[in-house]
Amino acid sequence: MSKQQQRKKPKPVPRERQGDIFDAIWDNVKSLLIAVVLAMIIKTSIVEAYKIPSASMEDTLLIGDFLIANKFIYGARLPLVGWRLPALRDPEPGDVIIFKYPGDRATNYIKRCVAVEGQTVEIRNKVLYIDGKVFENPPYSKFTETDIKSGRDNFGPYHVPRGSYFMMGDNRDNSYDSRFWGPVSRDLILGEALFVHWSWEPDMNSPKATVSDPLSVPRLFVYNTYHFFERVRWSRLFNIIH
């Protein structure tokens, strides 16, 4: 008898064990699917992270800030079906709000709500008035120019229409907001900004990642790793947004 014939044939796996293996795999797949669905529900309906791409909200929010927003407070939309849940409250003057830009109804914008439906907005020589009373500037708002421009620094009176909100950036001289493109309708509002969970200082010397250069990604990774501690704005982490 040859050595090959002398080798023992592998014992077949009992059907009971095969069933146990398939059950274990299916349980893991179900757990993964449930986790993915829950993550989607949380992201689309309760909280979501956003990155600040522009200087329009300086110095309340800085370029490179990553913030968490509460989408539940104004009535979150359910994924897929798009139905809106009941709101805990409506947006109020002073809230920092994430919304879809009315111009394309797709791009995420973040501004401060300064007036709601039925209120009158007027700006006279950079001073904001709501219903004839001065709207106090937020603690970290700023003006970067001394000249007065119509449309930006002298505006209105404007009556906010029903179901709409008037938004302005805290960097008043460098914000493209409701003074230029009008109010934001209720259906475009996504949530209220809560706090900064991460802040990354922009670096003009940082290498760029490009498709044409395969080494650009590892080069960028090495650069950011080396400059990690100096680029993180540690003092801004977990700052509450006012």
Protein backbone atom coordinates (compact mmCIF):
# COMPACT_ATOMS: atom_id res chain seq x y z
CA MET A 1 0.00 0.00 0.00
CA SER A 2 1.39 3.39 -0.98
CA LYS A 3 2.04 6.20 1.45
CA GLN A 4 -0.75 8.23 -0.14
CA GLN A 5 -3.18 5.40 0.48
CA GLN A 6 -1.96 5.13 4.05
CA ARG A 7 -2.81 8.77 4.73
CA LYS A 8 -5.95 9.15 6.66
CA LYS A 9 -8.79 10.89 4.90
CA PRO A 10 -10.08 14.02 6.68
CA LYS A 11 -13.16 13.35 8.66
CA PRO A 12 -16.25 15.07 7.26
CA VAL A 13 -17.60 17.93 9.35
CA PRO A 14 -20.83 16.85 11.00
CA ARG A 15 -23.92 18.67 9.78
CA GLU A 16 -24.56 19.92 13.29
CA ARG A 17 -21.17 21.67 13.34
CA GLN A 18 -21.74 23.08 9.84
CA GLY A 19 -25.00 24.55 11.06
CA ASP A 20 -23.25 26.07 14.08
CA ILE A 21 -20.65 27.70 11.83
CA PHE A 22 -23.29 29.19 9.50
CA ASP A 23 -25.30 30.40 12.51
CA ALA A 24 -22.22 32.11 13.95
CA ILE A 25 -21.46 33.80 10.61
CA TRP A 26 -25.08 34.92 10.23
CA ASP A 27 -25.12 36.29 13.79
CA ASN A 28 -22.00 38.36 13.03
CA VAL A 29 -23.51 39.64 9.77
CA LYS A 30 -26.75 40.60 11.56
CA SER A 31 -24.79 42.41 14.29
CA LEU A 32 -22.82 44.32 11.66
CA LEU A 33 -25.98 45.28 9.74
CA ILE A 34 -27.68 46.47 12.93
CA ALA A 35 -24.63 48.55 13.83
CA VAL A 36 -24.55 50.13 10.36
CA VAL A 37 -28.28 50.92 10.46
CA LEU A 38 -28.02 52.43 13.94
CA ALA A 39 -25.01 54.51 12.86
CA MET A 40 -26.97 55.79 9.84
CA ILE A 41 -29.98 56.67 12.00
CA ILE A 42 -27.80 58.50 14.54
CA LYS A 43 -25.90 60.37 11.81
CA THR A 44 -28.95 61.41 9.81
CA SER A 45 -31.41 61.97 12.64
CA ILE A 46 -29.71 62.82 15.93
CA VAL A 47 -26.14 64.15 15.75
CA GLU A 48 -23.67 64.75 12.96
CA ALA A 49 -20.15 66.10 12.59
CA TYR A 50 -19.36 69.10 10.37
CA LYS A 51 -16.16 70.82 9.30
CA ILE A 52 -15.84 74.61 9.12
CA PRO A 53 -14.47 75.50 5.65
CA SER A 54 -14.62 79.31 5.71
CA ALA A 55 -13.98 82.34 7.93
CA SER A 56 -17.57 83.65 7.95
CA MET A 57 -18.15 82.65 11.60
CA GLU A 58 -14.83 83.86 13.04
CA ASP A 59 -13.97 84.07 15.85
CA THR A 60 -16.81 81.90 17.14
CA LEU A 61 -15.79 79.13 14.75
CA LEU A 62 -12.47 78.89 12.94
CA ILE A 63 -11.42 77.25 9.68
CA GLY A 64 -10.45 73.71 10.57
CA ASP A 65 -12.90 73.36 13.47
CA PHE A 66 -14.90 70.13 13.50
CA LEU A 67 -18.16 70.41 15.39
CA ILE A 68 -21.02 68.25 16.57
CA ALA A 69 -24.56 69.37 15.77
CA ASN A 70 -27.84 68.35 17.37
CA LYS A 71 -30.25 67.45 14.54
CA PHE A 72 -32.93 66.21 16.93
CA ILE A 73 -33.78 69.55 18.54
CA TYR A 74 -35.43 71.11 15.46
CA GLY A 75 -37.10 67.88 14.34
CA ALA A 76 -34.79 65.36 12.69
CA ARG A 77 -35.56 63.83 9.32
CA LEU A 78 -35.82 60.06 9.16
CA PRO A 79 -33.44 58.45 6.65
CA LEU A 80 -34.79 57.23 3.31
CA VAL A 81 -38.40 58.38 3.86
CA GLY A 82 -37.49 61.99 4.69
CA TRP A 83 -40.22 62.44 7.30
CA ARG A 84 -39.47 65.01 9.98
CA LEU A 85 -39.92 64.09 13.63
CA PRO A 86 -41.61 66.54 16.02
CA ALA A 87 -39.26 69.33 17.07
CA LEU A 88 -38.32 69.97 20.67
CA ARG A 89 -38.36 73.67 19.82
CA ASP A 90 -38.05 76.04 16.89
CA PRO A 91 -34.86 77.94 16.01
CA GLU A 92 -34.43 81.11 18.04
CA PRO A 93 -32.40 84.32 17.58
CA GLY A 94 -28.87 83.62 18.77
CA ASP A 95 -28.78 79.94 17.77
CA VAL A 96 -25.83 78.83 15.62
CA ILE A 97 -27.51 76.72 12.95
CA ILE A 98 -26.47 74.31 10.19
CA PHE A 99 -28.71 74.43 7.13
CA LYS A 100 -28.79 73.80 3.40
CA TYR A 101 -27.86 76.85 1.34
CA PRO A 102 -31.06 78.13 -0.34
CA GLY A 103 -29.19 78.74 -3.58
CA ASP A 104 -28.68 75.04 -4.33
CA ARG A 105 -30.48 73.31 -1.42
CA ALA A 106 -27.49 70.95 -1.15
CA THR A 107 -24.43 72.72 0.34
CA ASN A 108 -24.18 72.82 4.13
CA TYR A 109 -23.89 76.33 5.58
CA ILE A 110 -23.50 77.45 9.19
CA LYS A 111 -24.59 80.88 10.42
CA ARG A 112 -26.21 82.52 13.42
CA CYS A 113 -29.96 83.03 13.42
CA VAL A 114 -30.67 86.70 14.20
CA ALA A 115 -34.40 86.89 13.42
CA VAL A 116 -37.39 84.60 12.96
CA GLU A 117 -40.65 84.88 11.04
CA GLY A 118 -42.56 88.10 11.63
CA GLN A 119 -39.54 90.06 12.89
CA THR A 120 -38.03 93.07 11.14
CA VAL A 121 -34.32 93.21 10.37
CA GLU A 122 -32.49 96.47 9.81
CA ILE A 123 -28.79 97.32 9.73
CA ARG A 124 -27.67 100.93 10.08
CA ASN A 125 -23.94 101.67 9.84
CA LYS A 126 -23.02 98.10 10.86
CA VAL A 127 -25.39 98.06 13.86
CA LEU A 128 -28.01 95.30 13.71
CA TYR A 129 -31.55 96.08 14.84
CA ILE A 130 -34.31 93.51 15.31
CA ASP A 131 -37.79 95.01 15.69
CA GLY A 132 -36.16 98.37 16.34
CA LYS A 133 -33.92 97.14 19.16
CA VAL A 134 -30.16 96.63 18.98
CA PHE A 135 -29.20 92.96 18.59
CA GLU A 136 -26.10 92.56 20.73
CA ASN A 137 -23.05 91.26 18.93
CA PRO A 138 -22.05 87.71 19.95
CA PRO A 139 -18.99 87.49 22.26
CA TYR A 140 -16.55 86.42 19.51
CA SER A 141 -18.02 88.31 16.55
CA LYS A 142 -15.91 90.85 14.75
CA PHE A 143 -15.72 93.58 12.10
CA THR A 144 -12.60 93.72 9.95
CA GLU A 145 -13.33 96.82 7.85
CA THR A 146 -14.10 100.41 8.80
CA ASP A 147 -15.76 101.48 5.54
CA ILE A 148 -19.53 101.39 5.20
CA LYS A 149 -21.08 99.50 2.30
CA SER A 150 -24.72 99.47 1.33
CA GLY A 151 -26.39 96.08 1.36
CA ARG A 152 -23.89 94.81 3.89
CA ASP A 153 -23.67 97.57 6.50
CA ASN A 154 -26.91 99.38 5.66
CA PHE A 155 -29.77 96.99 5.02
CA GLY A 156 -33.56 96.93 5.27
CA PRO A 157 -35.91 97.29 6.94
CA TYR A 158 -36.72 93.70 5.95
CA HIS A 159 -39.70 91.71 7.24
CA VAL A 160 -38.85 88.01 7.69
CA PRO A 161 -41.55 85.96 5.90
CA ARG A 162 -43.52 83.15 7.48
CA GLY A 163 -41.67 79.89 7.99
CA SER A 164 -38.26 81.53 7.43
CA TYR A 165 -35.19 82.63 9.37
CA PHE A 166 -32.65 85.40 8.84
CA MET A 167 -29.03 84.20 9.13
CA MET A 168 -25.80 86.17 9.53
CA GLY A 169 -22.16 85.25 10.04
CA ASP A 170 -20.34 86.44 13.16
CA ASN A 171 -17.54 87.77 10.94
CA ARG A 172 -19.89 90.49 9.78
CA ASP A 173 -17.69 92.07 7.10
CA ASN A 174 -16.76 88.72 5.53
CA SER A 175 -19.93 86.66 5.50
CA TYR A 176 -22.12 85.71 2.56
CA ASP A 177 -25.46 85.39 4.32
CA SER A 178 -29.15 86.38 4.34
CA ARG A 179 -28.23 89.99 3.59
CA PHE A 180 -27.29 88.79 0.09
CA TRP A 181 -29.40 85.70 -0.68
CA GLY A 182 -32.42 86.08 1.58
CA PRO A 183 -33.92 84.06 4.44
CA VAL A 184 -33.69 80.31 5.09
CA SER A 185 -36.91 78.32 4.97
CA ARG A 186 -37.72 75.91 7.81
CA ASP A 187 -37.37 72.79 5.65
CA LEU A 188 -33.68 73.59 4.95
CA ILE A 189 -32.62 73.68 8.61
CA LEU A 190 -30.59 70.67 9.77
CA GLY A 191 -29.58 71.27 13.38
CA GLU A 192 -27.98 73.39 16.07
CA ALA A 193 -24.21 73.52 16.55
CA LEU A 194 -23.26 72.18 19.99
CA PHE A 195 -19.50 72.02 20.52
CA VAL A 196 -16.12 71.78 18.79
CA HIS A 197 -14.82 68.23 19.10
CA TRP A 198 -11.64 68.72 17.03
CA SER A 199 -9.71 71.68 15.66
CA TRP A 200 -6.94 71.49 13.07
CA GLU A 201 -4.83 74.55 12.24
CA PRO A 202 -4.55 75.12 8.47
CA ASP A 203 -0.99 74.93 7.16
CA MET A 204 -0.10 76.55 3.85
CA ASN A 205 3.16 74.58 3.75
CA SER A 206 1.43 71.24 4.02
CA PRO A 207 2.00 69.03 0.94
CA LYS A 208 -1.03 68.33 -1.23
CA ALA A 209 -2.40 64.89 -1.96
CA THR A 210 -2.92 64.37 -5.70
CA VAL A 211 -4.02 61.42 -7.81
CA SER A 212 -1.14 61.97 -10.23
CA ASP A 213 1.47 61.53 -7.50
CA PRO A 214 1.17 58.15 -5.68
CA LEU A 215 3.69 59.27 -3.05
CA SER A 216 1.76 62.41 -2.13
CA VAL A 217 -0.50 60.59 0.35
CA PRO A 218 2.28 59.02 2.45
CA ARG A 219 4.18 62.32 2.20
CA LEU A 220 1.17 64.18 3.59
CA PHE A 221 0.73 61.58 6.33
CA VAL A 222 4.35 61.90 7.45
CA TYR A 223 4.13 65.71 7.41
CA ASN A 224 0.95 65.81 9.48
CA THR A 225 2.30 63.24 11.92
CA TYR A 226 5.47 65.28 12.43
CA HIS A 227 3.53 68.54 12.96
CA PHE A 228 0.59 66.93 14.77
CA PHE A 229 1.02 68.54 18.19
CA GLU A 230 1.59 72.03 16.83
CA ARG A 231 -1.36 71.90 14.40
CA VAL A 232 -4.01 70.74 16.87
CA ARG A 233 -5.72 73.68 18.57
CA TRP A 234 -5.85 71.99 21.96
CA SER A 235 -7.58 74.89 23.72
CA ARG A 236 -10.58 74.64 21.38
CA LEU A 237 -11.33 70.95 21.90
CA PHE A 238 -14.81 70.37 23.36
CA ASN A 239 -15.56 74.10 23.51
CA ILE A 240 -19.29 74.77 23.79
CA ILE A 241 -20.57 76.96 20.93
CA HIS A 242 -22.35 80.10 22.14
